Protein backbone atom coordinates (compact mmCIF):
# COMPACT_ATOMS: atom_id res chain seq x y z
CA MET A 1 0.36 -37.86 13.92
CA PRO A 2 3.42 -39.12 13.16
CA VAL A 3 5.73 -40.50 15.77
CA ALA A 4 8.28 -37.99 15.65
CA THR A 5 5.30 -35.23 17.37
CA PHE A 6 5.45 -37.75 20.41
CA ILE A 7 9.02 -37.74 20.96
CA LEU A 8 10.94 -35.47 23.61
CA PRO A 9 12.25 -32.90 21.57
CA ALA A 10 16.41 -32.59 20.88
CA SER A 11 16.59 -29.61 23.44
CA LEU A 12 14.99 -31.41 26.16
CA ALA A 13 16.89 -34.38 25.86
CA LEU A 14 19.76 -32.75 26.24
CA GLN A 15 18.95 -30.84 29.00
CA LEU A 16 17.89 -34.64 30.55
CA LEU A 17 21.75 -35.81 30.08
CA SER A 18 23.09 -32.31 31.50
CA GLY A 19 21.41 -33.48 34.74
CA ALA A 20 17.97 -30.93 34.82
CA ALA A 21 15.19 -33.22 35.48
CA PRO A 22 11.86 -32.31 33.73
CA ALA A 23 8.99 -32.01 35.53
CA ALA A 24 7.37 -35.49 36.87
CA LYS A 25 4.82 -37.11 38.55
CA PRO A 26 5.82 -37.64 42.65
CA ALA A 27 7.73 -40.96 42.37
CA PRO A 28 6.16 -43.77 44.79
CA LYS A 29 7.85 -44.13 48.42
CA ALA A 30 11.06 -46.30 48.24
CA ALA A 31 14.21 -46.81 49.63
CA PRO A 32 16.18 -43.58 48.87
CA ALA A 33 19.69 -44.07 47.29
CA LYS A 34 22.24 -42.48 49.87
CA PRO A 35 25.91 -42.72 48.51
CA THR A 36 28.31 -43.84 50.91
CA THR A 37 31.64 -41.79 51.80
CA SER A 38 33.29 -44.61 49.50
CA ALA A 39 30.51 -43.72 46.66
CA LYS A 40 31.55 -39.84 46.98
CA ALA A 41 35.36 -40.43 46.78
CA ALA A 42 34.91 -42.57 43.51
CA ALA A 43 36.34 -41.44 39.84
CA PRO A 44 33.52 -41.58 37.35
CA VAL A 45 33.02 -45.38 36.36
CA TYR A 46 31.87 -44.74 32.71
CA ALA A 47 32.11 -41.99 29.99
CA GLN A 48 29.33 -39.34 29.65
CA ALA A 49 30.20 -39.93 25.72
CA THR A 50 28.73 -43.42 26.30
CA ALA A 51 25.77 -42.18 28.31
CA GLU A 52 24.53 -39.75 25.53
CA LYS A 53 24.87 -42.72 22.83
CA LEU A 54 22.66 -44.71 24.69
CA ILE A 55 20.08 -42.10 25.98
CA GLY A 56 19.94 -39.47 23.79
CA PRO A 57 18.91 -41.98 20.96
CA ALA A 58 16.19 -43.49 23.28
CA LEU A 59 14.58 -39.95 24.21
CA THR A 60 14.60 -38.17 20.68
CA ASP A 61 14.34 -40.77 17.82
CA GLY A 62 10.69 -42.43 18.82
CA HIS A 63 12.17 -45.81 17.70
CA ALA A 64 10.81 -47.87 20.93
CA TYR A 65 7.33 -46.39 19.58
CA ALA A 66 7.12 -46.98 16.48
CA ARG A 67 8.29 -50.10 16.66
CA LEU A 68 5.40 -50.90 19.38
CA ALA A 69 3.15 -49.70 16.71
CA GLU A 70 4.49 -52.51 14.47
CA LEU A 71 3.79 -55.11 17.05
CA THR A 72 0.15 -54.11 18.43
CA ASP A 73 -1.38 -52.59 14.83
CA GLY A 74 0.44 -54.56 12.23
CA ILE A 75 0.52 -58.05 14.11
CA GLY A 76 -2.20 -57.71 16.85
CA PRO A 77 -3.18 -60.23 19.70
CA ARG A 78 -0.37 -62.93 20.17
CA LEU A 79 -2.19 -65.77 22.34
CA SER A 80 0.69 -68.98 22.73
CA GLY A 81 -0.15 -71.11 19.55
CA SER A 82 -2.07 -68.29 17.33
CA PRO A 83 -1.14 -67.49 13.82
CA GLY A 84 -0.21 -64.05 16.13
CA ALA A 85 1.92 -65.64 18.34
CA GLU A 86 3.86 -67.18 15.02
CA ALA A 87 3.57 -64.04 13.05
CA ALA A 88 5.33 -61.96 16.01
CA VAL A 89 7.94 -64.58 16.32
CA GLN A 90 9.45 -64.10 12.93
CA TRP A 91 8.82 -60.41 12.91
CA ALA A 92 10.91 -60.28 16.22
CA LEU A 93 13.86 -62.00 14.37
CA ARG A 94 13.43 -60.15 11.37
CA SER A 95 13.74 -56.84 13.07
CA PHE A 96 16.61 -57.93 15.41
CA LYS A 97 18.98 -58.37 12.23
CA ALA A 98 18.08 -55.34 10.65
CA ASP A 99 19.21 -53.61 13.79
CA GLY A 100 22.17 -55.68 13.47
CA VAL A 101 22.23 -57.98 16.28
CA LYS A 102 22.68 -62.00 15.94
CA ALA A 103 19.21 -63.64 16.38
CA TRP A 104 18.17 -67.37 16.23
CA LEU A 105 15.24 -69.24 17.42
CA GLU A 106 14.90 -71.73 20.27
CA PRO A 107 11.88 -74.19 19.81
CA VAL A 108 9.12 -74.21 22.47
CA LYS A 109 6.15 -76.36 22.66
CA VAL A 110 3.25 -74.11 24.02
CA PRO A 111 -0.43 -74.63 24.93
CA HIS A 112 -3.14 -73.69 21.96
CA TRP A 113 -6.75 -72.32 23.48
CA VAL A 114 -9.07 -70.74 21.88
CA ARG A 115 -11.58 -68.79 23.48
CA GLY A 116 -14.50 -68.90 21.01
CA GLU A 117 -17.82 -67.05 21.57
CA ALA A 118 -19.01 -66.66 25.34
CA SER A 119 -22.16 -65.44 26.95
CA GLY A 120 -24.19 -64.66 30.16
CA GLU A 121 -27.33 -63.15 31.51
CA VAL A 122 -28.71 -63.11 34.95
CA LEU A 123 -32.11 -64.43 34.29
CA ALA A 124 -35.18 -62.82 34.97
CA SER A 125 -37.37 -63.26 38.42
CA GLU A 126 -39.87 -61.96 40.47
CA ARG A 127 -37.71 -58.94 41.64
CA THR A 128 -36.26 -58.23 38.36
CA ARG A 129 -35.98 -58.09 34.54
CA GLY A 130 -32.89 -60.38 33.47
CA HIS A 131 -29.14 -58.68 32.61
CA ARG A 132 -26.86 -59.34 30.27
CA LEU A 133 -23.51 -60.23 31.56
CA ALA A 134 -20.17 -57.98 29.79
CA LEU A 135 -17.75 -61.59 30.65
CA LEU A 136 -14.89 -63.28 29.21
CA ALA A 137 -13.51 -66.86 29.64
CA LEU A 138 -11.01 -67.51 31.35
CA GLY A 139 -7.62 -68.61 29.71
CA GLY A 140 -7.88 -72.51 29.89
CA SER A 141 -11.75 -72.98 30.64
CA PRO A 142 -13.28 -75.84 29.28
CA PRO A 143 -16.61 -74.94 27.56
CA THR A 144 -20.00 -75.46 28.31
CA ALA A 145 -22.37 -77.43 26.64
CA PRO A 146 -24.13 -75.73 23.43
CA GLU A 147 -27.14 -74.97 25.43
CA GLY A 148 -25.33 -73.31 27.93
CA ILE A 149 -25.30 -74.32 31.96
CA THR A 150 -27.97 -72.36 34.61
CA ALA A 151 -27.64 -72.18 37.72
CA GLU A 152 -28.18 -70.11 40.88
CA VAL A 153 -25.09 -68.31 42.41
CA VAL A 154 -23.39 -68.42 45.28
CA GLU A 155 -21.09 -65.44 46.41
CA VAL A 156 -17.56 -65.61 48.19
CA THR A 157 -14.72 -63.44 49.08
CA SER A 158 -11.81 -65.64 49.61
CA LEU A 159 -10.82 -69.21 49.18
CA GLU A 160 -11.12 -70.08 52.52
CA GLN A 161 -14.96 -69.32 52.21
CA LEU A 162 -15.52 -71.77 49.68
CA GLU A 163 -13.67 -74.29 52.12
CA SER A 164 -16.04 -73.52 55.05
CA LEU A 165 -18.90 -73.99 52.63
CA GLY A 166 -17.98 -77.25 51.15
CA ALA A 167 -20.87 -78.98 49.44
CA ALA A 168 -23.38 -76.15 49.95
CA VAL A 169 -21.70 -74.91 46.59
CA LYS A 170 -22.55 -78.41 44.58
CA GLY A 171 -24.80 -77.61 41.44
CA LYS A 172 -24.12 -73.92 41.53
CA PHE A 173 -21.79 -70.75 39.89
CA VAL A 174 -19.21 -69.79 42.24
CA PHE A 175 -19.07 -66.04 42.02
CA PHE A 176 -15.82 -64.91 43.19
CA ASN A 177 -15.95 -61.07 44.47
CA HIS A 178 -13.02 -59.09 45.76
CA THR A 179 -11.88 -55.54 46.86
CA MET A 180 -9.24 -54.97 44.27
CA SER A 181 -8.96 -50.78 43.98
CA VAL A 182 -5.24 -50.12 43.34
CA ALA A 183 -2.75 -51.73 41.37
CA ALA A 184 -0.81 -53.25 44.70
CA ASP A 185 -4.00 -55.31 45.16
CA TYR A 186 -3.61 -57.70 42.34
CA GLY A 187 -0.94 -59.93 44.25
CA ARG A 188 -3.86 -60.27 46.82
CA PHE A 189 -6.67 -61.40 44.72
CA ALA A 190 -4.95 -62.95 41.77
CA GLY A 191 -5.34 -66.27 43.52
CA LEU A 192 -8.93 -66.08 43.07
CA ARG A 193 -9.02 -66.24 39.47
CA SER A 194 -6.07 -68.71 38.92
CA ARG A 195 -6.97 -71.33 41.63
CA GLY A 196 -10.52 -70.51 42.69
CA PRO A 197 -12.31 -72.36 39.63
CA ALA A 198 -10.33 -75.78 40.06
CA ALA A 199 -11.18 -75.57 44.04
CA ALA A 200 -14.91 -74.54 42.88
CA ALA A 201 -14.76 -77.64 40.78
CA LYS A 202 -13.75 -79.89 43.60
CA HIS A 203 -16.82 -79.00 45.31
CA GLY A 204 -19.23 -79.98 42.98
CA ALA A 205 -19.71 -76.55 41.14
CA VAL A 206 -20.99 -76.37 37.92
CA GLY A 207 -19.40 -73.27 36.98
CA ALA A 208 -17.31 -70.11 38.14
CA LEU A 209 -17.39 -66.05 37.51
CA VAL A 210 -14.87 -64.16 38.94
CA ARG A 211 -14.67 -60.24 39.41
CA SER A 212 -11.96 -58.79 36.86
CA LEU A 213 -8.92 -57.82 38.56
CA ALA A 214 -9.28 -54.43 37.46
CA THR A 215 -8.39 -50.90 38.80
CA ALA A 216 -10.95 -49.05 36.52
CA SER A 217 -13.76 -50.00 33.97
CA LEU A 218 -16.39 -49.20 31.74
CA ARG A 219 -17.99 -52.44 31.49
CA THR A 220 -14.67 -54.01 30.26
CA PRO A 221 -14.24 -57.37 31.29
CA HIS A 222 -10.29 -58.54 32.24
CA THR A 223 -9.09 -62.02 31.51
CA GLY A 224 -6.60 -64.08 32.49
CA ALA A 225 -5.32 -67.44 33.28
CA THR A 226 -7.08 -70.08 35.06
CA ASN A 227 -5.60 -73.23 36.33
CA PHE A 228 -6.68 -76.94 36.61
CA PRO A 229 -4.44 -79.53 38.16
CA SER A 230 -4.10 -82.39 35.92
CA GLY A 231 -6.44 -85.10 36.16
CA GLY A 232 -8.92 -83.09 38.03
CA PRO A 233 -12.48 -81.53 37.75
CA ARG A 234 -12.59 -78.43 35.56
CA VAL A 235 -15.66 -76.49 35.10
CA PRO A 236 -16.14 -73.69 32.59
CA ALA A 237 -15.12 -70.04 34.22
CA ALA A 238 -15.34 -66.44 33.17
CA SER A 239 -14.28 -62.99 34.34
CA VAL A 240 -17.34 -60.67 34.61
CA SER A 241 -16.89 -57.15 34.40
CA THR A 242 -16.81 -55.15 37.87
CA GLU A 243 -20.11 -53.23 37.12
CA ASP A 244 -21.36 -56.77 36.38
CA ALA A 245 -19.61 -58.06 39.76
CA ASP A 246 -21.02 -55.18 41.89
CA LEU A 247 -24.69 -56.09 39.81
CA LEU A 248 -24.78 -59.81 41.34
CA HIS A 249 -23.75 -58.79 44.82
CA ARG A 250 -26.63 -56.27 44.66
CA LEU A 251 -28.98 -58.94 43.52
CA LEU A 252 -27.62 -61.44 45.75
CA ALA A 253 -28.37 -59.41 48.87
CA GLY A 254 -31.88 -59.60 48.04
CA GLY A 255 -32.53 -63.41 47.52
CA PRO A 256 -31.62 -65.95 45.13
CA VAL A 257 -29.92 -65.32 41.70
CA ARG A 258 -29.76 -67.61 38.26
CA VAL A 259 -27.30 -67.19 35.62
CA LYS A 260 -27.21 -68.77 32.51
CA LEU A 261 -23.62 -68.79 30.71
CA MET A 262 -22.13 -70.22 27.55
CA LEU A 263 -18.73 -70.80 26.43
CA ASP A 264 -17.41 -71.94 23.70
CA ALA A 265 -13.79 -72.19 24.46
CA SER A 266 -12.05 -75.52 23.29
CA GLU A 267 -7.76 -76.49 23.97
CA LEU A 268 -6.11 -78.17 21.05
CA PRO A 269 -2.98 -80.10 20.86
CA ASP A 270 0.44 -78.24 22.13
CA ALA A 271 1.30 -76.09 19.21
CA ASP A 272 5.56 -75.10 18.18
CA SER A 273 6.07 -72.23 18.49
CA SER A 274 9.33 -70.41 19.69
CA ASN A 275 11.56 -67.80 21.97
CA VAL A 276 13.27 -65.34 19.58
CA VAL A 277 16.93 -64.94 21.27
CA ALA A 278 19.36 -62.46 20.35
CA GLU A 279 22.88 -61.33 21.55
CA ILE A 280 25.83 -59.07 21.43
CA ARG A 281 29.08 -60.69 21.89
CA GLY A 282 31.06 -59.34 24.90
CA ARG A 283 34.54 -57.65 24.04
CA GLU A 284 36.46 -59.23 27.34
CA LYS A 285 34.33 -61.27 29.14
CA PRO A 286 31.73 -62.80 26.40
CA ARG A 287 31.35 -65.91 29.12
CA GLU A 288 29.74 -63.96 30.99
CA ILE A 289 26.07 -62.93 30.23
CA VAL A 290 23.65 -60.29 31.24
CA LEU A 291 20.06 -61.30 30.17
CA ILE A 292 17.20 -58.90 29.40
CA GLY A 293 14.26 -60.33 28.82
CA ALA A 294 10.52 -59.81 28.03
CA HIS A 295 7.54 -61.83 26.87
CA LEU A 296 6.23 -61.78 22.92
CA ASP A 297 2.74 -63.24 23.17
CA SER A 298 -0.31 -61.83 24.44
CA TRP A 299 -4.16 -62.45 25.79
CA ASP A 300 -6.14 -62.88 22.33
CA VAL A 301 -8.02 -59.75 23.49
CA GLY A 302 -6.66 -56.26 22.83
CA THR A 303 -3.37 -56.02 20.84
CA GLY A 304 -0.96 -56.42 24.15
CA ALA A 305 0.64 -52.77 23.87
CA HIS A 306 1.11 -52.25 27.70
CA ASP A 307 1.26 -56.11 28.47
CA ASP A 308 3.77 -56.96 27.10
CA GLY A 309 4.16 -54.95 24.09
CA ALA A 310 6.47 -52.32 25.70
CA GLY A 311 8.29 -53.97 27.30
CA VAL A 312 9.27 -56.04 24.28
CA VAL A 313 10.43 -53.02 22.50
CA MET A 314 12.31 -52.00 25.74
CA VAL A 315 14.74 -54.55 25.68
CA MET A 316 14.92 -54.59 21.73
CA GLU A 317 15.57 -51.21 22.07
CA ALA A 318 18.26 -51.43 24.45
CA ALA A 319 19.87 -53.86 22.22
CA ARG A 320 19.97 -52.47 19.32
CA LEU A 321 21.93 -49.39 20.53
CA ILE A 322 24.13 -50.80 22.71
CA ALA A 323 24.98 -52.77 19.21
CA LYS A 324 25.84 -49.10 17.93
CA LEU A 325 28.32 -48.18 20.10
CA PRO A 326 31.58 -48.03 18.90
CA GLN A 327 32.74 -50.76 21.36
CA ALA A 328 30.84 -53.57 22.67
CA PRO A 329 30.42 -53.92 26.48
CA ARG A 330 32.44 -56.24 28.67
CA ARG A 331 30.52 -58.58 28.89
CA THR A 332 27.47 -60.57 26.60
CA VAL A 333 24.16 -58.91 26.16
CA ARG A 334 21.29 -61.53 25.89
CA VAL A 335 17.90 -60.50 24.81
CA VAL A 336 15.39 -62.94 25.29
CA LEU A 337 11.32 -62.80 23.76
CA PHE A 338 9.58 -65.43 25.65
CA MET A 339 7.10 -67.23 24.37
CA ASN A 340 4.06 -68.69 26.58
CA GLU A 341 4.08 -66.17 29.89
CA GLU A 342 0.62 -65.54 29.68
CA ASN A 343 -0.81 -69.45 30.14
CA GLY A 344 1.95 -71.39 30.86
CA LEU A 345 5.40 -70.03 31.17
CA ARG A 346 6.55 -72.83 28.86
CA GLY A 347 9.50 -69.90 27.24
CA GLY A 348 10.66 -69.38 30.57
CA ARG A 349 11.10 -72.72 31.53
CA ALA A 350 12.17 -74.05 27.80
CA TYR A 351 15.46 -71.29 28.50
CA ALA A 352 16.63 -72.34 31.96
CA GLU A 353 16.53 -76.03 30.68
CA LYS A 354 18.11 -75.49 27.72
CA HIS A 355 21.26 -72.86 29.18
CA ALA A 356 21.23 -74.62 32.59
CA ALA A 357 25.28 -75.25 31.98
CA GLU A 358 25.24 -71.38 31.41
CA LEU A 359 23.28 -70.18 34.25
CA PRO A 360 26.48 -70.14 36.31
CA ARG A 361 27.47 -67.32 34.15
CA HIS A 362 24.25 -65.29 33.80
CA VAL A 363 25.49 -62.25 35.77
CA GLY A 364 22.08 -60.49 36.28
CA ALA A 365 18.58 -60.56 34.79
CA LEU A 366 16.02 -58.22 34.22
CA GLU A 367 12.60 -58.78 32.96
CA MET A 368 10.21 -55.51 31.66
CA ASP A 369 6.69 -56.65 32.05
CA ALA A 370 4.70 -53.80 33.87
CA GLY A 371 3.61 -51.83 30.76
CA GLY A 372 5.32 -48.51 29.68
CA GLY A 373 5.24 -46.57 32.59
CA ARG A 374 7.57 -44.25 33.23
CA PRO A 375 10.68 -45.18 35.22
CA VAL A 376 10.66 -44.39 38.48
CA SER A 377 13.37 -46.73 40.71
CA LEU A 378 15.92 -49.54 40.43
CA SER A 379 15.53 -52.51 41.99
CA VAL A 380 17.97 -55.38 42.79
CA ARG A 381 18.05 -58.92 43.84
CA ALA A 382 21.67 -60.12 44.92
CA GLY A 383 24.18 -61.01 47.41
CA GLU A 384 25.14 -58.27 49.77
CA GLY A 385 26.35 -54.85 48.54
CA GLY A 386 24.09 -55.18 45.14
CA GLN A 387 23.03 -51.81 45.62
CA ASP A 388 26.09 -50.00 46.36
CA LEU A 389 27.83 -51.54 42.94
CA LEU A 390 25.27 -50.61 41.13
CA ARG A 391 24.69 -46.95 42.46
CA PRO A 392 28.08 -45.16 41.01
CA TRP A 393 25.87 -45.95 37.55
CA MET A 394 22.98 -44.20 38.21
CA ALA A 395 23.73 -40.50 37.91
CA PRO A 396 22.98 -40.17 34.17
CA LEU A 397 19.10 -41.62 35.26
CA THR A 398 18.28 -38.78 37.58
CA ALA A 399 16.91 -36.67 35.04
CA LEU A 400 14.66 -39.55 33.62
CA GLY A 401 13.30 -39.50 37.54
CA VAL A 402 15.18 -42.38 38.70
CA THR A 403 16.99 -41.40 41.70
CA GLN A 404 16.30 -44.26 44.14
CA PHE A 405 15.90 -48.03 44.76
CA SER A 406 12.81 -49.49 45.10
CA SER A 407 11.94 -51.41 48.48
CA ARG A 408 10.91 -54.67 46.41
CA GLU A 409 13.18 -56.99 45.05
CA ALA A 410 13.62 -57.23 41.19
CA GLY A 411 12.04 -60.10 39.70
CA GLY A 412 10.15 -61.41 37.09
CA ALA A 413 7.28 -64.55 36.04
CA ASP A 414 9.92 -65.77 32.68
CA ILE A 415 13.18 -65.14 34.89
CA SER A 416 11.95 -66.94 37.88
CA PRO A 417 13.35 -70.65 36.80
CA LEU A 418 16.15 -68.92 37.10
CA LEU A 419 16.09 -68.43 40.77
CA PRO A 420 17.45 -72.37 41.88
CA ALA A 421 20.78 -71.14 39.61
CA ARG A 422 21.38 -68.50 41.77
CA VAL A 423 21.22 -65.75 38.94
CA PRO A 424 21.19 -61.86 40.37
CA PHE A 425 18.09 -60.11 39.22
CA PHE A 426 18.03 -56.11 38.37
CA GLY A 427 15.37 -53.96 36.95
CA VAL A 428 13.78 -50.78 36.17
CA GLU A 429 10.70 -50.39 37.79
CA VAL A 430 7.76 -48.15 35.85
CA ASP A 431 4.88 -46.45 37.25
CA SER A 432 2.28 -49.13 37.00
CA SER A 433 -0.63 -47.11 38.72
CA ARG A 434 -2.82 -47.31 35.81
CA TYR A 435 -1.35 -50.53 34.54
CA PHE A 436 -4.59 -52.46 35.79
CA ASP A 437 -6.76 -50.35 34.39
CA VAL A 438 -6.41 -52.06 30.97
CA HIS A 439 -4.85 -55.05 31.80
CA HIS A 440 -5.88 -58.50 29.49
CA THR A 441 -8.91 -56.58 28.34
CA GLU A 442 -9.73 -55.37 24.97
CA ALA A 443 -8.43 -52.08 25.68
CA ASP A 444 -4.46 -52.68 25.85
CA THR A 445 -4.11 -51.18 22.90
CA LEU A 446 -1.25 -48.54 21.45
CA ASP A 447 -3.12 -45.81 22.16
CA LYS A 448 -2.95 -46.31 25.92
CA VAL A 449 0.88 -46.15 26.07
CA ASP A 450 2.49 -42.37 26.56
CA PRO A 451 5.57 -42.06 23.79
CA GLN A 452 7.70 -40.27 26.61
CA ASP A 453 6.92 -42.52 29.42
CA LEU A 454 8.00 -45.40 27.18
CA ALA A 455 11.37 -43.36 25.63
CA ARG A 456 12.40 -42.75 29.18
CA SER A 457 11.99 -46.40 30.59
CA THR A 458 13.86 -47.66 27.37
CA ALA A 459 16.35 -45.22 27.71
CA ALA A 460 16.93 -46.59 31.56
CA VAL A 461 16.54 -50.13 30.72
CA ALA A 462 19.44 -49.46 27.73
CA TRP A 463 21.53 -47.98 30.03
CA MET A 464 21.41 -50.21 33.07
CA THR A 465 21.96 -53.24 30.75
CA TYR A 466 24.94 -51.67 29.55
CA ALA A 467 25.98 -51.02 32.94
CA LEU A 468 25.80 -54.44 34.33
CA ALA A 469 27.79 -55.41 30.76
CA GLU A 470 30.35 -53.18 31.43
CA MET A 471 31.02 -52.55 34.98
CA PRO A 472 34.27 -53.72 36.55
CA GLY A 473 32.58 -56.48 38.72
CA THR A 474 29.35 -58.28 39.08
CA LEU A 475 27.08 -58.81 41.50
CA ALA A 476 27.07 -61.30 44.57
CA ARG A 477 24.59 -64.07 43.48
CA PRO A 478 21.88 -64.42 45.82
CA GLU A 479 20.84 -67.35 48.03
CA ALA A 480 18.78 -70.02 46.69
CA PRO A 481 15.41 -70.08 47.25
CA ALA A 482 14.18 -72.17 49.96
CA PRO A 483 12.88 -75.89 49.09
CA ARG A 484 9.16 -75.68 48.56
CA GLY A 485 6.20 -78.60 48.81
CA PRO A 486 5.23 -79.54 45.19
CA ALA A 487 4.45 -76.83 43.11
CA PRO A 488 0.83 -75.87 41.89
CA ALA A 489 0.16 -75.18 38.10
CA PRO A 490 1.19 -71.62 37.82
CA ALA A 491 -0.83 -68.78 39.19
CA GLN A 492 -0.70 -65.48 37.69
CA GLN A 493 1.01 -63.44 40.09
CA SER A 494 1.43 -59.61 40.39
CA LYS A 495 2.86 -58.09 37.47
CA THR A 496 5.01 -56.00 40.21
CA SER A 497 6.67 -58.83 41.23
CA GLY A 498 6.39 -61.09 38.69
CA HIS A 499 3.68 -62.48 35.91
């Protein structure tokens, strides 16, 4: 079906801009944005015509969805170090230039892990016939021997339980089970995937099976990164579908279970890649920078439509629309498409290192990495008065469904290396309630993204980016994060709060 049939009709877009909100699902509860007395009395801080030039086209021309189709259908999976990742870098560079936005590449060395083939099965016993398992190797997993590994399975539901078992898991597969059912559970259980296999290896396990981090499944396994400390023991590790996790749990309740696992993964030398950086120079304060970003890489299953193709096209479209304004905003808008968020965060770290001298002049940073859902709220991480500064600029977003601030602070995995420099963060929170249905699976494809939801969130990103770049004042810088001990290898965190 042509893209034009999916986008909002012009009549509805005009209704939105005039302040009449379309029907929408109730937004999650969040901190209400109650106007202060001074905010009520303040004169308008922006031109309505500018809001119309940014929000109107985002809602009506279908450009974001069409560009997402180019990225997902045209290029496909984009795991760091792969030909797909390099094709995406060149596509993004060409696209920025076609939009009239200055763009360049900044080199990054990235991991190059290759999945290979995988298979697993529950072996037949006196109690049951054999069962094939639906599984995917976890990113960073080593291979098994060509003939595979066969061993008994031990089930645990926490890293603490694994520690209590200790040597009892030696020579066995550790099966990490959990009860994720809603998006908010991701952060609770992600450590089982990112740190569990290494912890199992430390106690002599021969491999690890991790229940997929998912809110829905049609026997679809969800991959993701697992991390092994440098020089420490490594074991083959795979995610299993939620259905097969339930099967293992039931079988283990009746007695011993043996599984055979075969993984053909390989770790190649680090590869050359790039962050893609684009910029619209500010008219009055070009040295002050508002950064908006997303990650260009994806896992090698599916085509990365929600994770993070949607975020990529949102920030690209924000830049395209701002570049078309008759007058550039006061400050510079910089777009960064980071490479290697999924299995290393090399792009985020490389940007922070390369631009360290500029970070005190970064007055705001946004990362879109929670899918292509509709916008529901704004978030901020700044010093005192951050919400009050943003509130007068929120009126154009009301009809998009954004009327409040999130109870969460803004953040993101790729912009997290900016925290020590006390860069203020802002964010457009999107509805991610069904995001983990397809996250890191073969099913993360274009058809799962609703074009109207994508258009509304794109409009919100474009407007708030302009607001940060145009408003007379800037967000107060937050306190520096408290110092921590030695950092572990990067772990996958909740998409609503980072990775």
